[in-house]
Amino acid sequence: MNCTRPDIAYVVNKLSRFTSNPSKDHWKGLIRVLKYLKHTSNYGLHYTRYPAVLEGYSDANWISDSKDTKSTSGYIFTIGGGAVSWKS
């Protein structure tokens, strides 16, 4: 079984931009992420071997009057019960 942590994808992306020259603030951010991981070690998306079925789901809300609100849409694809691609 494998596990991934999409909940930290954004912050890891932002911090990785400064790996060659991190400032004190970047180090503080890294320490904060590590503390978060320590206290949420049971979180994550878990992938199982069987059934390795690819599933996809989508939803959308298309509006008629764009002055008041915006249209929204999203999708998610899973393999073996764990998300591999998503957008909202």
PDB file of N, CA and C in Angstrom:
ATOM      1  N   MET A   1       0.845  -1.169   0.000  1.00  0.00           N
ATOM      2  CA  MET A   1       0.000   0.000   0.000  1.00  0.00           C
ATOM      3  C   MET A   1       0.896   1.240   0.000  1.00  0.00           C
ATOM      4  N   ASN A   2       0.488   2.247  -0.742  1.00  0.00           N
ATOM      5  CA  ASN A   2       1.182   3.529  -0.789  1.00  0.00           C
ATOM      6  C   ASN A   2       0.272   4.623  -0.260  1.00  0.00           C
ATOM      7  N   CYS A   3       0.866   5.728   0.137  1.00  0.00           N
ATOM      8  CA  CYS A   3       0.105   6.849   0.682  1.00  0.00           C
ATOM      9  C   CYS A   3       0.702   8.150   0.154  1.00  0.00           C
ATOM     10  N   THR A   4      -0.149   9.129  -0.078  1.00  0.00           N
ATOM     11  CA  THR A   4       0.304  10.441  -0.515  1.00  0.00           C
ATOM     12  C   THR A   4      -0.395  11.527   0.291  1.00  0.00           C
ATOM     13  N   ARG A   5       0.163  12.731   0.283  1.00  0.00           N
ATOM     14  CA  ARG A   5      -0.360  13.829   1.100  1.00  0.00           C
ATOM     15  C   ARG A   5      -0.676  15.059   0.248  1.00  0.00           C
ATOM     16  N   PRO A   6      -1.806  15.067  -0.442  1.00  0.00           N
ATOM     17  CA  PRO A   6      -2.151  16.246  -1.241  1.00  0.00           C
ATOM     18  C   PRO A   6      -2.428  17.488  -0.400  1.00  0.00           C
ATOM     19  N   ASP A   7      -2.663  17.316   0.895  1.00  0.00           N
ATOM     20  CA  ASP A   7      -2.941  18.459   1.765  1.00  0.00           C
ATOM     21  C   ASP A   7      -1.732  19.381   1.928  1.00  0.00           C
ATOM     22  N   ILE A   8      -0.537  18.897   1.614  1.00  0.00           N
ATOM     23  CA  ILE A   8       0.646  19.752   1.719  1.00  0.00           C
ATOM     24  C   ILE A   8       1.237  20.084   0.348  1.00  0.00           C
ATOM     25  N   ALA A   9       0.554  19.718  -0.719  1.00  0.00           N
ATOM     26  CA  ALA A   9       1.084  19.935  -2.068  1.00  0.00           C
ATOM     27  C   ALA A   9       1.375  21.409  -2.340  1.00  0.00           C
ATOM     28  N   TYR A  10       0.487  22.285  -1.935  1.00  0.00           N
ATOM     29  CA  TYR A  10       0.661  23.716  -2.214  1.00  0.00           C
ATOM     30  C   TYR A  10       1.882  24.278  -1.490  1.00  0.00           C
ATOM     31  N   VAL A  11       1.981  24.019  -0.203  1.00  0.00           N
ATOM     32  CA  VAL A  11       3.092  24.591   0.563  1.00  0.00           C
ATOM     33  C   VAL A  11       4.430  23.984   0.141  1.00  0.00           C
ATOM     34  N   VAL A  12       4.455  22.710  -0.207  1.00  0.00           N
ATOM     35  CA  VAL A  12       5.695  22.093  -0.681  1.00  0.00           C
ATOM     36  C   VAL A  12       6.114  22.733  -2.003  1.00  0.00           C
ATOM     37  N   ASN A  13       5.144  22.993  -2.870  1.00  0.00           N
ATOM     38  CA  ASN A  13       5.443  23.669  -4.126  1.00  0.00           C
ATOM     39  C   ASN A  13       6.053  25.044  -3.875  1.00  0.00           C
ATOM     40  N   LYS A  14       5.470  25.801  -2.962  1.00  0.00           N
ATOM     41  CA  LYS A  14       5.975  27.148  -2.676  1.00  0.00           C
ATOM     42  C   LYS A  14       7.365  27.103  -2.036  1.00  0.00           C
ATOM     43  N   LEU A  15       7.569  26.217  -1.064  1.00  0.00           N
ATOM     44  CA  LEU A  15       8.871  26.132  -0.393  1.00  0.00           C
ATOM     45  C   LEU A  15       9.962  25.605  -1.321  1.00  0.00           C
ATOM     46  N   SER A  16       9.609  24.726  -2.241  1.00  0.00           N
ATOM     47  CA  SER A  16      10.620  24.130  -3.117  1.00  0.00           C
ATOM     48  C   SER A  16      11.259  25.158  -4.047  1.00  0.00           C
ATOM     49  N   ARG A  17      10.631  26.282  -4.220  1.00  0.00           N
ATOM     50  CA  ARG A  17      11.206  27.337  -5.060  1.00  0.00           C
ATOM     51  C   ARG A  17      12.461  27.952  -4.441  1.00  0.00           C
ATOM     52  N   PHE A  18      12.658  27.741  -3.150  1.00  0.00           N
ATOM     53  CA  PHE A  18      13.751  28.400  -2.439  1.00  0.00           C
ATOM     54  C   PHE A  18      14.767  27.408  -1.867  1.00  0.00           C
ATOM     55  N   THR A  19      14.817  26.199  -2.406  1.00  0.00           N
ATOM     56  CA  THR A  19      15.731  25.192  -1.857  1.00  0.00           C
ATOM     57  C   THR A  19      17.198  25.563  -2.033  1.00  0.00           C
ATOM     58  N   SER A  20      17.530  26.304  -3.068  1.00  0.00           N
ATOM     59  CA  SER A  20      18.938  26.653  -3.275  1.00  0.00           C
ATOM     60  C   SER A  20      19.386  27.852  -2.441  1.00  0.00           C
ATOM     61  N   ASN A  21      18.437  28.661  -1.956  1.00  0.00           N
ATOM     62  CA  ASN A  21      18.799  29.834  -1.163  1.00  0.00           C
ATOM     63  C   ASN A  21      17.670  30.177  -0.188  1.00  0.00           C
ATOM     64  N   PRO A  22      17.422  29.331   0.813  1.00  0.00           N
ATOM     65  CA  PRO A  22      16.304  29.588   1.729  1.00  0.00           C
ATOM     66  C   PRO A  22      16.630  30.690   2.738  1.00  0.00           C
ATOM     67  N   SER A  23      15.611  31.460   3.083  1.00  0.00           N
ATOM     68  CA  SER A  23      15.754  32.486   4.122  1.00  0.00           C
ATOM     69  C   SER A  23      15.277  31.900   5.456  1.00  0.00           C
ATOM     70  N   LYS A  24      15.364  32.707   6.517  1.00  0.00           N
ATOM     71  CA  LYS A  24      14.868  32.256   7.823  1.00  0.00           C
ATOM     72  C   LYS A  24      13.377  31.946   7.757  1.00  0.00           C
ATOM     73  N   ASP A  25      12.627  32.764   7.016  1.00  0.00           N
ATOM     74  CA  ASP A  25      11.187  32.529   6.893  1.00  0.00           C
ATOM     75  C   ASP A  25      10.886  31.197   6.204  1.00  0.00           C
ATOM     76  N   HIS A  26      11.701  30.832   5.218  1.00  0.00           N
ATOM     77  CA  HIS A  26      11.502  29.550   4.539  1.00  0.00           C
ATOM     78  C   HIS A  26      11.783  28.388   5.490  1.00  0.00           C
ATOM     79  N   TRP A  27      12.833  28.513   6.298  1.00  0.00           N
ATOM     80  CA  TRP A  27      13.136  27.474   7.285  1.00  0.00           C
ATOM     81  C   TRP A  27      12.009  27.357   8.309  1.00  0.00           C
ATOM     82  N   LYS A  28      11.460  28.505   8.724  1.00  0.00           N
ATOM     83  CA  LYS A  28      10.329  28.481   9.659  1.00  0.00           C
ATOM     84  C   LYS A  28       9.131  27.782   9.027  1.00  0.00           C
ATOM     85  N   GLY A  29       8.903  28.054   7.752  1.00  0.00           N
ATOM     86  CA  GLY A  29       7.814  27.388   7.042  1.00  0.00           C
ATOM     87  C   GLY A  29       8.022  25.888   6.960  1.00  0.00           C
ATOM     88  N   LEU A  30       9.259  25.478   6.702  1.00  0.00           N
ATOM     89  CA  LEU A  30       9.570  24.050   6.643  1.00  0.00           C
ATOM     90  C   LEU A  30       9.339  23.382   7.992  1.00  0.00           C
ATOM     91  N   ILE A  31       9.793  24.009   9.062  1.00  0.00           N
ATOM     92  CA  ILE A  31       9.588  23.462  10.410  1.00  0.00           C
ATOM     93  C   ILE A  31       8.099  23.328  10.699  1.00  0.00           C
ATOM     94  N   ARG A  32       7.327  24.313  10.286  1.00  0.00           N
ATOM     95  CA  ARG A  32       5.873  24.258  10.503  1.00  0.00           C
ATOM     96  C   ARG A  32       5.247  23.081   9.754  1.00  0.00           C
ATOM     97  N   VAL A  33       5.685  22.855   8.515  1.00  0.00           N
ATOM     98  CA  VAL A  33       5.176  21.715   7.738  1.00  0.00           C
ATOM     99  C   VAL A  33       5.553  20.407   8.418  1.00  0.00           C
ATOM    100  N   LEU A  34       6.793  20.300   8.895  1.00  0.00           N
ATOM    101  CA  LEU A  34       7.227  19.070   9.558  1.00  0.00           C
ATOM    102  C   LEU A  34       6.435  18.813  10.839  1.00  0.00           C
ATOM    103  N   LYS A  35       6.145  19.863  11.596  1.00  0.00           N
ATOM    104  CA  LYS A  35       5.315  19.700  12.798  1.00  0.00           C
ATOM    105  C   LYS A  35       3.906  19.253  12.424  1.00  0.00           C
ATOM    106  N   TYR A  36       3.370  19.844  11.361  1.00  0.00           N
ATOM    107  CA  TYR A  36       2.042  19.448  10.884  1.00  0.00           C
ATOM    108  C   TYR A  36       2.036  17.967  10.503  1.00  0.00           C
ATOM    109  N   LEU A  37       3.067  17.532   9.781  1.00  0.00           N
ATOM    110  CA  LEU A  37       3.148  16.125   9.379  1.00  0.00           C
ATOM    111  C   LEU A  37       3.258  15.203  10.587  1.00  0.00           C
ATOM    112  N   LYS A  38       4.006  15.630  11.594  1.00  0.00           N
ATOM    113  CA  LYS A  38       4.160  14.817  12.804  1.00  0.00           C
ATOM    114  C   LYS A  38       2.812  14.595  13.482  1.00  0.00           C
ATOM    115  N   HIS A  39       1.979  15.628  13.521  1.00  0.00           N
ATOM    116  CA  HIS A  39       0.694  15.527  14.220  1.00  0.00           C
ATOM    117  C   HIS A  39      -0.442  15.011  13.339  1.00  0.00           C
ATOM    118  N   THR A  40      -0.182  14.804  12.068  1.00  0.00           N
ATOM    119  CA  THR A  40      -1.221  14.288  11.163  1.00  0.00           C
ATOM    120  C   THR A  40      -0.711  13.067  10.403  1.00  0.00           C
ATOM    121  N   SER A  41       0.115  12.279  11.059  1.00  0.00           N
ATOM    122  CA  SER A  41       0.733  11.134  10.377  1.00  0.00           C
ATOM    123  C   SER A  41      -0.281  10.088   9.920  1.00  0.00           C
ATOM    124  N   ASN A  42      -1.478  10.109  10.475  1.00  0.00           N
ATOM    125  CA  ASN A  42      -2.492   9.134  10.059  1.00  0.00           C
ATOM    126  C   ASN A  42      -3.345   9.659   8.905  1.00  0.00           C
ATOM    127  N   TYR A  43      -3.087  10.880   8.442  1.00  0.00           N
ATOM    128  CA  TYR A  43      -3.815  11.439   7.302  1.00  0.00           C
ATOM    129  C   TYR A  43      -3.177  10.965   6.004  1.00  0.00           C
ATOM    130  N   GLY A  44      -3.904  11.097   4.917  1.00  0.00           N
ATOM    131  CA  GLY A  44      -3.342  10.810   3.604  1.00  0.00           C
ATOM    132  C   GLY A  44      -4.291  10.008   2.749  1.00  0.00           C
ATOM    133  N   LEU A  45      -3.967   9.936   1.479  1.00  0.00           N
ATOM    134  CA  LEU A  45      -4.715   9.104   0.547  1.00  0.00           C
ATOM    135  C   LEU A  45      -3.983   7.777   0.431  1.00  0.00           C
ATOM    136  N   HIS A  46      -4.681   6.718   0.671  1.00  0.00           N
ATOM    137  CA  HIS A  46      -4.071   5.394   0.659  1.00  0.00           C
ATOM    138  C   HIS A  46      -4.478   4.646  -0.601  1.00  0.00           C
ATOM    139  N   TYR A  47      -3.499   4.072  -1.254  1.00  0.00           N
ATOM    140  CA  TYR A  47      -3.720   3.321  -2.482  1.00  0.00           C
ATOM    141  C   TYR A  47      -3.568   1.839  -2.193  1.00  0.00           C
ATOM    142  N   THR A  48      -4.529   1.063  -2.639  1.00  0.00           N
ATOM    143  CA  THR A  48      -4.463  -0.386  -2.473  1.00  0.00           C
ATOM    144  C   THR A  48      -4.165  -1.026  -3.821  1.00  0.00           C
ATOM    145  N   ARG A  49      -3.706  -2.266  -3.788  1.00  0.00           N
ATOM    146  CA  ARG A  49      -3.384  -2.959  -5.032  1.00  0.00           C
ATOM    147  C   ARG A  49      -4.632  -3.336  -5.815  1.00  0.00           C
ATOM    148  N   TYR A  50      -5.581  -3.926  -5.171  1.00  0.00           N
ATOM    149  CA  TYR A  50      -6.760  -4.433  -5.872  1.00  0.00           C
ATOM    150  C   TYR A  50      -8.012  -3.876  -5.247  1.00  0.00           C
ATOM    151  N   PRO A  51      -8.979  -3.459  -5.969  1.00  0.00           N
ATOM    152  CA  PRO A  51      -8.997  -3.412  -7.432  1.00  0.00           C
ATOM    153  C   PRO A  51      -8.339  -2.126  -7.921  1.00  0.00           C
ATOM    154  N   ALA A  52      -7.487  -2.244  -8.886  1.00  0.00           N
ATOM    155  CA  ALA A  52      -6.810  -1.077  -9.462  1.00  0.00           C
ATOM    156  C   ALA A  52      -7.676  -0.521 -10.592  1.00  0.00           C
ATOM    157  N   VAL A  53      -8.801   0.025 -10.215  1.00  0.00           N
ATOM    158  CA  VAL A  53      -9.769   0.542 -11.178  1.00  0.00           C
ATOM    159  C   VAL A  53      -9.622   2.058 -11.274  1.00  0.00           C
ATOM    160  N   LEU A  54      -9.575   2.564 -12.498  1.00  0.00           N
ATOM    161  CA  LEU A  54      -9.556   4.007 -12.716  1.00  0.00           C
ATOM    162  C   LEU A  54     -10.992   4.507 -12.734  1.00  0.00           C
ATOM    163  N   GLU A  55     -11.289   5.477 -11.868  1.00  0.00           N
ATOM    164  CA  GLU A  55     -12.618   6.071 -11.815  1.00  0.00           C
ATOM    165  C   GLU A  55     -12.478   7.580 -11.954  1.00  0.00           C
ATOM    166  N   GLY A  56     -13.457   8.201 -12.579  1.00  0.00           N
ATOM    167  CA  GLY A  56     -13.450   9.648 -12.738  1.00  0.00           C
ATOM    168  C   GLY A  56     -14.806  10.231 -12.410  1.00  0.00           C
ATOM    169  N   TYR A  57     -14.805  11.366 -11.748  1.00  0.00           N
ATOM    170  CA  TYR A  57     -16.037  12.050 -11.372  1.00  0.00           C
ATOM    171  C   TYR A  57     -15.881  13.528 -11.712  1.00  0.00           C
ATOM    172  N   SER A  58     -16.974  14.142 -12.129  1.00  0.00           N
ATOM    173  CA  SER A  58     -16.935  15.580 -12.411  1.00  0.00           C
ATOM    174  C   SER A  58     -18.266  16.212 -12.037  1.00  0.00           C
ATOM    175  N   ASP A  59     -18.231  17.520 -11.871  1.00  0.00           N
ATOM    176  CA  ASP A  59     -19.444  18.269 -11.561  1.00  0.00           C
ATOM    177  C   ASP A  59     -19.230  19.696 -12.053  1.00  0.00           C
ATOM    178  N   ALA A  60     -20.315  20.355 -12.401  1.00  0.00           N
ATOM    179  CA  ALA A  60     -20.226  21.729 -12.878  1.00  0.00           C
ATOM    180  C   ALA A  60     -21.500  22.475 -12.536  1.00  0.00           C
ATOM    181  N   ASN A  61     -21.363  23.769 -12.412  1.00  0.00           N
ATOM    182  CA  ASN A  61     -22.499  24.652 -12.185  1.00  0.00           C
ATOM    183  C   ASN A  61     -22.328  25.826 -13.142  1.00  0.00           C
ATOM    184  N   TRP A  62     -23.051  25.773 -14.250  1.00  0.00           N
ATOM    185  CA  TRP A  62     -22.965  26.824 -15.268  1.00  0.00           C
ATOM    186  C   TRP A  62     -24.084  27.822 -15.015  1.00  0.00           C
ATOM    187  N   ILE A  63     -23.740  29.076 -14.878  1.00  0.00           N
ATOM    188  CA  ILE A  63     -24.727  30.096 -14.521  1.00  0.00           C
ATOM    189  C   ILE A  63     -25.239  30.817 -15.760  1.00  0.00           C
ATOM    190  N   SER A  64     -26.395  31.457 -15.625  1.00  0.00           N
ATOM    191  CA  SER A  64     -26.965  32.190 -16.756  1.00  0.00           C
ATOM    192  C   SER A  64     -26.655  33.685 -16.686  1.00  0.00           C
ATOM    193  N   ASP A  65     -26.466  34.227 -15.502  1.00  0.00           N
ATOM    194  CA  ASP A  65     -26.188  35.654 -15.348  1.00  0.00           C
ATOM    195  C   ASP A  65     -24.815  35.830 -14.709  1.00  0.00           C
ATOM    196  N   SER A  66     -23.820  36.157 -15.505  1.00  0.00           N
ATOM    197  CA  SER A  66     -22.445  36.223 -15.000  1.00  0.00           C
ATOM    198  C   SER A  66     -22.159  37.475 -14.174  1.00  0.00           C
ATOM    199  N   LYS A  67     -23.108  38.378 -14.040  1.00  0.00           N
ATOM    200  CA  LYS A  67     -22.886  39.582 -13.229  1.00  0.00           C
ATOM    201  C   LYS A  67     -22.881  39.265 -11.735  1.00  0.00           C
ATOM    202  N   ASP A  68     -23.646  38.261 -11.342  1.00  0.00           N
ATOM    203  CA  ASP A  68     -23.802  37.959  -9.919  1.00  0.00           C
ATOM    204  C   ASP A  68     -22.802  36.932  -9.403  1.00  0.00           C
ATOM    205  N   THR A  69     -22.574  35.886 -10.145  1.00  0.00           N
ATOM    206  CA  THR A  69     -21.700  34.803  -9.680  1.00  0.00           C
ATOM    207  C   THR A  69     -20.876  34.271 -10.843  1.00  0.00           C
ATOM    208  N   LYS A  70     -20.033  33.303 -10.541  1.00  0.00           N
ATOM    209  CA  LYS A  70     -19.197  32.688 -11.568  1.00  0.00           C
ATOM    210  C   LYS A  70     -19.542  31.214 -11.700  1.00  0.00           C
ATOM    211  N   SER A  71     -19.291  30.679 -12.887  1.00  0.00           N
ATOM    212  CA  SER A  71     -19.455  29.246 -13.098  1.00  0.00           C
ATOM    213  C   SER A  71     -18.346  28.510 -12.359  1.00  0.00           C
ATOM    214  N   THR A  72     -18.642  27.314 -11.903  1.00  0.00           N
ATOM    215  CA  THR A  72     -17.638  26.493 -11.233  1.00  0.00           C
ATOM    216  C   THR A  72     -17.683  25.088 -11.805  1.00  0.00           C
ATOM    217  N   SER A  73     -16.555  24.432 -11.782  1.00  0.00           N
ATOM    218  CA  SER A  73     -16.498  23.039 -12.212  1.00  0.00           C
ATOM    219  C   SER A  73     -15.334  22.364 -11.510  1.00  0.00           C
ATOM    220  N   GLY A  74     -15.339  21.057 -11.536  1.00  0.00           N
ATOM    221  CA  GLY A  74     -14.262  20.306 -10.918  1.00  0.00           C
ATOM    222  C   GLY A  74     -14.293  18.856 -11.343  1.00  0.00           C
ATOM    223  N   TYR A  75     -13.188  18.173 -11.126  1.00  0.00           N
ATOM    224  CA  TYR A  75     -13.121  16.747 -11.423  1.00  0.00           C
ATOM    225  C   TYR A  75     -12.138  16.074 -10.479  1.00  0.00           C
ATOM    226  N   ILE A  76     -12.242  14.755 -10.407  1.00  0.00           N
ATOM    227  CA  ILE A  76     -11.289  13.937  -9.659  1.00  0.00           C
ATOM    228  C   ILE A  76     -11.182  12.582 -10.341  1.00  0.00           C
ATOM    229  N   PHE A  77      -9.971  12.065 -10.457  1.00  0.00           N
ATOM    230  CA  PHE A  77      -9.727  10.719 -10.947  1.00  0.00           C
ATOM    231  C   PHE A  77      -9.054   9.929  -9.829  1.00  0.00           C
ATOM    232  N   THR A  78      -9.499   8.713  -9.636  1.00  0.00           N
ATOM    233  CA  THR A  78      -8.937   7.854  -8.595  1.00  0.00           C
ATOM    234  C   THR A  78      -8.476   6.531  -9.191  1.00  0.00           C
ATOM    235  N   ILE A  79      -7.474   5.960  -8.573  1.00  0.00           N
ATOM    236  CA  ILE A  79      -7.032   4.595  -8.888  1.00  0.00           C
ATOM    237  C   ILE A  79      -6.915   3.865  -7.567  1.00  0.00           C
ATOM    238  N   GLY A  80      -7.576   2.746  -7.467  1.00  0.00           N
ATOM    239  CA  GLY A  80      -7.526   1.966  -6.234  1.00  0.00           C
ATOM    240  C   GLY A  80      -8.052   2.728  -5.038  1.00  0.00           C
ATOM    241  N   GLY A  81      -8.972   3.653  -5.255  1.00  0.00           N
ATOM    242  CA  GLY A  81      -9.577   4.389  -4.162  1.00  0.00           C
ATOM    243  C   GLY A  81      -8.853   5.651  -3.751  1.00  0.00           C
ATOM    244  N   GLY A  82      -7.698   5.940  -4.339  1.00  0.00           N
ATOM    245  CA  GLY A  82      -6.945   7.142  -3.990  1.00  0.00           C
ATOM    246  C   GLY A  82      -6.884   8.110  -5.152  1.00  0.00           C
ATOM    247  N   ALA A  83      -6.970   9.386  -4.859  1.00  0.00           N
ATOM    248  CA  ALA A  83      -6.956  10.413  -5.895  1.00  0.00           C
ATOM    249  C   ALA A  83      -5.592  10.497  -6.569  1.00  0.00           C
ATOM    250  N   VAL A  84      -5.597  10.587  -7.890  1.00  0.00           N
ATOM    251  CA  VAL A  84      -4.363  10.767  -8.646  1.00  0.00           C
ATOM    252  C   VAL A  84      -4.366  12.068  -9.430  1.00  0.00           C
ATOM    253  N   SER A  85      -5.539  12.649  -9.654  1.00  0.00           N
ATOM    254  CA  SER A  85      -5.643  13.922 -10.357  1.00  0.00           C
ATOM    255  C   SER A  85      -6.943  14.592  -9.957  1.00  0.00           C
ATOM    256  N   TRP A  86      -6.884  15.902  -9.695  1.00  0.00           N
ATOM    257  CA  TRP A  86      -8.092  16.621  -9.312  1.00  0.00           C
ATOM    258  C   TRP A  86      -7.929  18.099  -9.636  1.00  0.00           C
ATOM    259  N   LYS A  87      -9.051  18.765  -9.800  1.00  0.00           N
ATOM    260  CA  LYS A  87      -9.052  20.209 -10.042  1.00  0.00           C
ATOM    261  C   LYS A  87     -10.412  20.748  -9.658  1.00  0.00           C
ATOM    262  N   SER A  88     -10.423  21.941  -9.103  1.00  0.00           N
ATOM    263  CA  SER A  88     -11.683  22.562  -8.717  1.00  0.00           C
ATOM    264  C   SER A  88     -11.606  24.049  -8.972  1.00  0.00           C
TER     265      SER A  88
END
